[in-house]
Protein backbone atom coordinates (compact mmCIF):
# COMPACT_ATOMS: atom_id res chain seq x y z
CA UNK A 1 0.18 0.23 0.34
CA UNK A 2 1.20 3.60 -0.47
CA UNK A 3 0.60 4.76 2.81
CA UNK A 4 2.54 2.29 4.59
CA UNK A 5 5.71 3.02 1.99
CA UNK A 6 4.67 6.87 2.76
CA UNK A 7 4.67 5.97 6.50
CA UNK A 8 8.01 4.03 6.65
CA UNK A 9 9.84 6.71 4.43
CA UNK A 10 8.80 8.95 6.99
CA UNK A 11 9.63 7.38 9.69
CA UNK A 12 12.54 6.28 8.58
CA UNK A 13 13.65 9.63 8.07
CA UNK A 14 13.46 10.44 11.52
CA UNK A 15 14.78 7.29 13.33
CA UNK A 16 18.17 7.35 10.41
CA UNK A 17 20.27 9.75 12.80
CA UNK A 18 18.86 7.79 16.02
CA UNK A 19 20.19 4.54 14.83
CA UNK A 20 23.64 6.08 12.96
CA UNK A 21 24.40 7.43 16.79
CA UNK A 22 23.61 4.38 18.84
CA UNK A 23 21.77 1.29 18.41
CA UNK A 24 19.02 1.71 21.34
CA UNK A 25 15.83 -0.72 19.67
CA UNK A 26 13.57 0.60 22.18
CA UNK A 27 13.38 3.73 21.30
CA UNK A 28 13.71 3.20 17.50
CA UNK A 29 10.81 1.30 18.42
CA UNK A 30 9.06 3.67 20.28
CA UNK A 31 9.63 6.42 17.58
CA UNK A 32 7.84 3.93 14.70
CA UNK A 33 5.17 3.13 17.34
CA UNK A 34 4.21 7.26 17.53
CA UNK A 35 4.59 7.50 13.84
CA UNK A 36 2.04 5.15 13.02
CA UNK A 37 -0.01 6.85 16.75
CA UNK A 38 0.31 10.47 14.81
CA UNK A 39 -0.97 8.59 11.00
CA UNK A 40 -4.03 6.94 13.02
CA UNK A 41 -4.91 10.22 14.51
CA UNK A 42 -4.74 12.63 11.54
CA UNK A 43 -6.81 9.87 9.52
CA UNK A 44 -9.46 9.84 11.77
CA UNK A 45 -9.77 13.40 11.94
CA UNK A 46 -10.05 12.76 8.57
CA UNK A 47 -12.58 10.29 8.42
CA UNK A 48 -14.57 12.61 10.84
CA UNK A 49 -14.40 15.50 8.03
CA UNK A 50 -16.00 13.16 5.42
CA UNK A 51 -18.75 11.58 7.41
CA UNK A 52 -18.98 15.68 7.63
CA UNK A 53 -19.64 15.41 3.47
CA UNK A 54 -21.42 12.65 3.15
CA UNK A 55 -23.82 13.76 5.98
CA UNK A 56 -24.49 17.17 4.40
CA UNK A 57 -24.48 15.23 0.70
CA UNK A 58 -27.02 13.12 1.63
CA UNK A 59 -29.00 16.01 3.08
CA UNK A 60 -28.50 17.77 -0.46
CA UNK A 61 -29.42 14.49 -2.29
CA UNK A 62 -32.58 14.62 -0.49
CA UNK A 63 -33.72 17.85 -1.11
CA UNK A 64 -32.85 18.02 -4.81
CA UNK A 65 -34.91 14.44 -4.68
CA UNK A 66 -38.03 16.67 -2.90
CA UNK A 67 -37.35 19.41 -4.98
CA UNK A 68 -37.36 18.12 -8.92
CA UNK A 69 -40.39 16.31 -7.48
CA UNK A 70 -42.31 19.60 -6.89
CA UNK A 71 -41.47 21.08 -10.05
CA UNK A 72 -42.96 18.14 -11.83
CA UNK A 73 -45.76 18.12 -9.60
CA UNK A 74 -46.57 22.20 -10.16
CA UNK A 75 -45.84 21.41 -14.14
CA UNK A 76 -49.01 18.51 -13.64
CA UNK A 77 -51.14 21.21 -12.00
CA UNK A 78 -50.60 24.07 -14.34
CA UNK A 79 -50.05 22.27 -17.85
CA UNK A 80 -53.81 22.84 -18.82
CA UNK A 81 -53.90 26.30 -17.25
CA UNK A 82 -50.74 28.10 -18.52
CA UNK A 83 -48.52 25.91 -20.53
CA UNK A 84 -45.46 28.70 -20.70
CA UNK A 85 -45.70 28.37 -16.91
CA UNK A 86 -45.74 24.44 -17.19
CA UNK A 87 -42.56 24.75 -19.55
CA UNK A 88 -40.90 26.76 -16.94
CA UNK A 89 -41.73 24.35 -13.94
CA UNK A 90 -40.20 21.81 -16.59
CA UNK A 91 -36.86 23.48 -17.12
CA UNK A 92 -36.57 24.02 -13.76
CA UNK A 93 -37.28 19.74 -13.09
CA UNK A 94 -34.75 19.18 -15.27
CA UNK A 95 -32.29 21.75 -14.04
CA UNK A 96 -33.06 19.97 -10.59
CA UNK A 97 -32.37 16.43 -11.70
CA UNK A 98 -29.02 17.56 -13.48
CA UNK A 99 -27.97 18.71 -9.75
CA UNK A 100 -29.30 16.07 -8.29
CA UNK A 101 -27.43 13.33 -10.42
CA UNK A 102 -23.89 15.52 -10.07
CA UNK A 103 -24.44 15.75 -6.03
CA UNK A 104 -25.38 12.07 -6.23
CA UNK A 105 -22.31 11.25 -7.89
CA UNK A 106 -20.08 13.21 -5.40
CA UNK A 107 -21.64 11.55 -2.74
CA UNK A 108 -20.85 8.05 -4.37
CA UNK A 109 -17.31 9.24 -4.62
CA UNK A 110 -17.07 10.26 -1.41
CA UNK A 111 -18.66 7.35 0.09
CA UNK A 112 -16.00 5.18 -1.41
CA UNK A 113 -13.41 7.45 -0.29
CA UNK A 114 -14.33 7.17 3.07
CA UNK A 115 -14.46 3.28 2.74
CA UNK A 116 -11.00 2.78 1.39
CA UNK A 117 -9.86 5.37 4.35
CA UNK A 118 -11.30 3.47 6.81
CA UNK A 119 -9.56 0.15 6.31
CA UNK A 120 -6.33 1.91 5.98
CA UNK A 121 -7.25 2.93 9.53
CA UNK A 122 -8.16 -0.59 10.34
CA UNK A 123 -5.20 -2.16 8.88
CA UNK A 124 -3.33 0.20 10.67
CA UNK A 125 -4.82 -0.06 14.04
CA UNK A 126 -3.97 -3.93 13.75
CA UNK A 127 -0.18 -3.14 12.38
CA UNK A 128 0.01 -0.32 15.15
CA UNK A 129 -1.36 -2.82 17.89
CA UNK A 130 0.94 -5.66 16.70
CA UNK A 131 3.90 -3.43 17.13
CA UNK A 132 2.73 -2.60 20.62
CA UNK A 133 2.58 -6.06 21.46
CA UNK A 134 6.11 -7.03 20.20
CA UNK A 135 7.77 -3.79 21.66
CA UNK A 136 6.43 -4.40 25.12
CA UNK A 137 7.28 -8.50 24.99
CA UNK A 138 10.79 -7.97 23.54
CA UNK A 139 10.96 -4.72 26.04
CA UNK A 140 9.97 -7.27 29.19
CA UNK A 141 12.44 -10.22 27.50
CA UNK A 142 15.41 -8.03 27.57
CA UNK A 143 15.22 -6.59 31.04
CA UNK A 144 14.71 -9.84 32.15
CA UNK A 145 17.47 -10.73 30.05
CA UNK A 146 19.65 -8.23 31.64
CA UNK A 147 19.16 -8.88 34.71
CA UNK A 148 19.60 -12.63 34.81
CA UNK A 149 23.20 -11.73 32.74
CA UNK A 150 23.57 -9.04 35.90
CA UNK A 151 23.38 -11.44 38.50
CA UNK A 152 25.65 -14.14 36.92
CA UNK A 153 28.31 -12.28 35.72
CA UNK A 154 28.40 -8.90 37.85
CA UNK A 155 30.67 -6.24 37.34
CA UNK A 156 33.76 -6.83 39.15
CA UNK A 157 33.96 -3.51 40.53
CA UNK A 158 30.67 -3.23 41.38
CA UNK A 159 30.87 -6.62 43.75
CA UNK A 160 33.41 -5.25 45.37
CA UNK A 161 31.90 -2.14 46.41
CA UNK A 162 28.67 -3.86 47.17
CA UNK A 163 30.94 -6.44 49.05
CA UNK A 164 32.90 -3.57 51.38
CA UNK A 165 29.65 -1.90 51.87
CA UNK A 166 27.94 -4.65 53.53
CA UNK A 167 31.22 -5.37 55.27
CA UNK A 168 31.16 -1.81 56.79
CA UNK A 169 28.06 -2.14 57.30
CA UNK A 170 28.32 -5.29 59.44
CA UNK A 171 31.21 -3.96 61.53
CA UNK A 172 28.95 -1.31 62.22
CA UNK A 173 26.01 -3.41 63.76
CA UNK A 174 28.45 -5.08 65.74
CA UNK A 175 29.84 -2.17 67.34
CA UNK A 176 26.45 -1.20 68.18
CA UNK A 177 25.29 -4.66 69.51
CA UNK A 178 29.15 -4.77 71.90
CA UNK A 179 27.58 -1.67 72.72
CA UNK A 180 24.49 -2.17 73.59
CA UNK A 181 25.56 -5.27 75.84
CA UNK A 182 28.10 -3.35 77.76
CA UNK A 183 25.42 -0.97 78.87
CA UNK A 184 23.54 -3.89 80.21
CA UNK A 185 26.29 -5.33 81.84
CA UNK A 186 26.99 -2.59 83.65
CA UNK A 187 23.49 -2.16 84.90
CA UNK A 188 23.37 -5.88 86.27
CA UNK A 189 26.63 -5.11 87.86
CA UNK A 190 25.03 -1.92 89.55
CA UNK A 191 21.95 -3.87 90.67
CA UNK A 192 24.66 -6.17 91.77
CA UNK A 193 26.24 -3.89 94.17
CA UNK A 194 23.18 -2.73 95.87
CA UNK A 195 22.08 -6.26 96.32
CA UNK A 196 24.94 -6.47 98.20
CA UNK A 197 24.76 -3.78 100.41
CA UNK A 198 21.22 -4.65 101.32
CA UNK A 199 22.45 -7.92 102.06
CA UNK A 200 25.11 -6.40 104.58
CA UNK A 201 22.63 -3.87 106.07
CA UNK A 202 20.28 -7.20 106.95
CA UNK A 203 22.65 -9.73 108.17
CA UNK A 204 24.11 -6.18 110.34
CA UNK A 205 20.48 -5.75 111.68
CA UNK A 206 20.35 -9.34 112.82
CA UNK A 207 23.75 -9.33 114.46
CA UNK A 208 22.84 -6.01 116.14
CA UNK A 209 19.54 -8.02 117.50
CA UNK A 210 21.52 -11.16 118.61
CA UNK A 211 23.91 -8.28 120.65
CA UNK A 212 20.85 -6.76 122.18
CA UNK A 213 19.33 -10.25 123.02
CA UNK A 214 22.60 -11.11 124.85
CA UNK A 215 22.72 -8.10 126.99
CA UNK A 216 18.84 -8.76 128.13
CA UNK A 217 19.96 -12.10 129.29
CA UNK A 218 23.28 -10.60 131.34
CA UNK A 219 21.15 -7.99 133.04
């Protein structure tokens, strides 16, 4: 189809410079898809305009058809009364018939054009959907493949950096854990000191009671 050939040439001219600089297949594919979308949008606008033309021509056809009938009826009514007027009515009828035939031909051509453009739009939409599906599928597959490749063959410097990061991180965590344990230990030692003092006080109290009891017996 000429439309697809023209479209391909237009897209090629837009992405050729991009392809020369770098081979980004996803970007080039997106450019093709955007161009197809533009063509579809323009074709749909053209279809809307043609639909208006078809509607206008259909109305004009009905009007001229009615007007032709009207002049024929007028000629029949007056041909026994005024032949000249009847002949003038027939002349008007023929003139209207001529216009009616011209509008009918224009309407037929416009309807045929609409069918052709509608078919083109349908084919472009089908191609566009196919392109979008392939684009999405290949982009997803490429992303997954790159991820797997990265995991299987990681960059040495990247792997060293991330390992070093985790090592420093783990060292900091261990330091914090040791500090927390030392704080807990300090608190436990303090509690033990209090417990020891409290036990001594209890023993002193018991000793004082024993001494006091002994003194009472002696007296």
